[in-house]
Amino acid sequence: MAVRNFDLTEPKSSRLLVLESAPTRRQDLRRSKRRCAIIGIFCLAAPFAAALVVLGVAH
């Protein structure tokens, strides 16, 4: 998937300058997927851990 960035620093520019970004490496994609997976697991596990702590304190 190509990502294009437009340079809009000059408000009266007659044309837009297209800046092509470098393609992402497979390693970067794997790293971001792993990071998202870890964040997702934490978001799912945190409420259960909090509930266990509350039940342990209340008991």
N, C-alpha and C. Protein backbone atom coordinates (compact mmCIF):
# COMPACT_ATOMS: atom_id res chain seq x y z
N MET A 1 0.85 -1.17 0.00
CA MET A 1 0.00 0.00 0.00
C MET A 1 0.90 1.24 0.00
N ALA A 2 0.68 2.11 -0.91
CA ALA A 2 1.47 3.31 -1.01
C ALA A 2 0.88 4.42 -0.14
N VAL A 3 1.72 5.11 0.56
CA VAL A 3 1.29 6.22 1.39
C VAL A 3 1.90 7.48 0.82
N ARG A 4 1.08 8.47 0.58
CA ARG A 4 1.58 9.72 0.02
C ARG A 4 1.39 10.85 1.02
N ASN A 5 2.44 11.63 1.17
CA ASN A 5 2.39 12.80 2.03
C ASN A 5 2.42 14.03 1.15
N PHE A 6 1.55 14.97 1.41
CA PHE A 6 1.50 16.20 0.64
C PHE A 6 2.12 17.33 1.46
N ASP A 7 2.99 18.07 0.83
CA ASP A 7 3.64 19.20 1.48
C ASP A 7 2.75 20.43 1.33
N LEU A 8 2.11 20.84 2.41
CA LEU A 8 1.19 21.98 2.39
C LEU A 8 1.75 23.16 3.18
N THR A 9 3.06 23.28 3.21
CA THR A 9 3.66 24.36 4.01
C THR A 9 3.40 25.73 3.39
N GLU A 10 3.30 25.79 2.08
CA GLU A 10 3.01 27.06 1.42
C GLU A 10 1.52 27.11 1.08
N PRO A 11 0.78 28.02 1.68
CA PRO A 11 -0.66 28.04 1.45
C PRO A 11 -1.04 28.46 0.02
N LYS A 12 -0.18 29.23 -0.66
CA LYS A 12 -0.51 29.70 -2.00
C LYS A 12 0.25 28.92 -3.07
N SER A 13 0.61 27.70 -2.75
CA SER A 13 1.35 26.89 -3.70
C SER A 13 0.44 26.50 -4.86
N SER A 14 0.95 26.67 -6.09
CA SER A 14 0.12 26.35 -7.26
C SER A 14 0.02 24.85 -7.48
N ARG A 15 0.98 24.11 -6.96
CA ARG A 15 0.92 22.66 -7.12
C ARG A 15 1.34 22.01 -5.81
N LEU A 16 0.94 20.78 -5.62
CA LEU A 16 1.29 20.05 -4.41
C LEU A 16 2.51 19.17 -4.68
N LEU A 17 3.43 19.16 -3.77
CA LEU A 17 4.62 18.35 -3.88
C LEU A 17 4.34 17.01 -3.19
N VAL A 18 4.45 15.93 -3.92
CA VAL A 18 4.17 14.61 -3.38
C VAL A 18 5.46 14.00 -2.86
N LEU A 19 5.44 13.62 -1.60
CA LEU A 19 6.60 12.98 -0.99
C LEU A 19 6.28 11.51 -0.79
N GLU A 20 6.96 10.65 -1.49
CA GLU A 20 6.72 9.21 -1.37
C GLU A 20 7.48 8.67 -0.16
N SER A 21 6.81 7.91 0.65
CA SER A 21 7.48 7.34 1.81
C SER A 21 8.12 6.01 1.42
N ALA A 22 9.12 5.64 2.16
CA ALA A 22 9.81 4.39 1.88
C ALA A 22 8.90 3.22 2.25
N PRO A 23 8.96 2.15 1.49
CA PRO A 23 8.12 0.98 1.82
C PRO A 23 8.55 0.38 3.16
N THR A 24 7.59 -0.08 3.92
CA THR A 24 7.90 -0.65 5.23
C THR A 24 8.48 -2.05 5.05
N ARG A 25 9.39 -2.37 5.92
CA ARG A 25 10.02 -3.68 5.86
C ARG A 25 9.15 -4.71 6.57
N ARG A 26 9.34 -5.95 6.24
CA ARG A 26 8.56 -7.02 6.88
C ARG A 26 8.80 -7.05 8.37
N GLN A 27 10.03 -6.77 8.76
CA GLN A 27 10.37 -6.76 10.19
C GLN A 27 9.57 -5.67 10.91
N ASP A 28 9.43 -4.51 10.30
CA ASP A 28 8.66 -3.43 10.91
C ASP A 28 7.19 -3.82 11.02
N LEU A 29 6.67 -4.48 9.99
CA LEU A 29 5.27 -4.91 10.04
C LEU A 29 5.04 -5.93 11.15
N ARG A 30 5.97 -6.89 11.25
CA ARG A 30 5.83 -7.89 12.32
C ARG A 30 5.92 -7.25 13.70
N ARG A 31 6.83 -6.28 13.83
CA ARG A 31 6.99 -5.61 15.13
C ARG A 31 5.73 -4.84 15.51
N SER A 32 5.12 -4.16 14.56
CA SER A 32 3.92 -3.39 14.87
C SER A 32 2.74 -4.32 15.16
N LYS A 33 2.65 -5.44 14.44
CA LYS A 33 1.58 -6.41 14.73
C LYS A 33 1.75 -7.00 16.13
N ARG A 34 3.00 -7.31 16.48
CA ARG A 34 3.26 -7.87 17.81
C ARG A 34 2.93 -6.85 18.88
N ARG A 35 3.27 -5.58 18.65
CA ARG A 35 2.98 -4.53 19.62
C ARG A 35 1.47 -4.37 19.80
N CYS A 36 0.74 -4.38 18.70
CA CYS A 36 -0.72 -4.26 18.78
C CYS A 36 -1.33 -5.46 19.51
N ALA A 37 -0.78 -6.65 19.27
CA ALA A 37 -1.28 -7.85 19.95
C ALA A 37 -1.04 -7.77 21.45
N ILE A 38 0.12 -7.29 21.85
CA ILE A 38 0.42 -7.18 23.29
C ILE A 38 -0.49 -6.15 23.94
N ILE A 39 -0.71 -5.04 23.27
CA ILE A 39 -1.61 -4.01 23.82
C ILE A 39 -3.03 -4.55 23.92
N GLY A 40 -3.48 -5.30 22.91
CA GLY A 40 -4.82 -5.88 22.94
C GLY A 40 -4.99 -6.88 24.07
N ILE A 41 -3.99 -7.73 24.27
CA ILE A 41 -4.06 -8.71 25.36
C ILE A 41 -4.11 -7.99 26.71
N PHE A 42 -3.29 -6.95 26.86
CA PHE A 42 -3.30 -6.19 28.11
C PHE A 42 -4.66 -5.54 28.34
N CYS A 43 -5.25 -4.98 27.28
CA CYS A 43 -6.56 -4.33 27.43
C CYS A 43 -7.65 -5.32 27.80
N LEU A 44 -7.52 -6.54 27.33
CA LEU A 44 -8.51 -7.56 27.71
C LEU A 44 -8.25 -8.13 29.10
N ALA A 45 -7.00 -8.22 29.50
CA ALA A 45 -6.67 -8.85 30.78
C ALA A 45 -6.77 -7.89 31.95
N ALA A 46 -6.57 -6.60 31.73
CA ALA A 46 -6.56 -5.63 32.83
C ALA A 46 -7.88 -5.59 33.61
N PRO A 47 -9.05 -5.55 32.97
CA PRO A 47 -10.29 -5.53 33.76
C PRO A 47 -10.47 -6.79 34.62
N PHE A 48 -10.06 -7.94 34.10
CA PHE A 48 -10.19 -9.17 34.89
C PHE A 48 -9.25 -9.16 36.08
N ALA A 49 -8.04 -8.67 35.88
CA ALA A 49 -7.10 -8.58 37.00
C ALA A 49 -7.60 -7.58 38.05
N ALA A 50 -8.17 -6.47 37.59
CA ALA A 50 -8.73 -5.50 38.53
C ALA A 50 -9.90 -6.08 39.30
N ALA A 51 -10.73 -6.87 38.63
CA ALA A 51 -11.87 -7.50 39.31
C ALA A 51 -11.38 -8.51 40.36
N LEU A 52 -10.34 -9.25 40.05
CA LEU A 52 -9.79 -10.19 41.04
C LEU A 52 -9.22 -9.46 42.24
N VAL A 53 -8.57 -8.34 42.01
CA VAL A 53 -8.04 -7.56 43.13
C VAL A 53 -9.17 -7.02 43.98
N VAL A 54 -10.23 -6.50 43.35
CA VAL A 54 -11.36 -5.96 44.11
C VAL A 54 -12.05 -7.06 44.91
N LEU A 55 -12.23 -8.22 44.30
CA LEU A 55 -12.87 -9.33 45.02
C LEU A 55 -11.98 -9.81 46.16
N GLY A 56 -10.67 -9.80 45.96
CA GLY A 56 -9.76 -10.23 47.03
C GLY A 56 -9.77 -9.26 48.19
N VAL A 57 -9.87 -7.96 47.92
CA VAL A 57 -9.90 -6.97 48.98
C VAL A 57 -11.24 -7.01 49.70
N ALA A 58 -12.31 -7.20 48.94
CA ALA A 58 -13.66 -7.19 49.54
C ALA A 58 -13.92 -8.47 50.34
N HIS A 59 -13.25 -9.52 50.01
CA HIS A 59 -13.50 -10.79 50.69
C HIS A 59 -12.78 -10.75 52.00
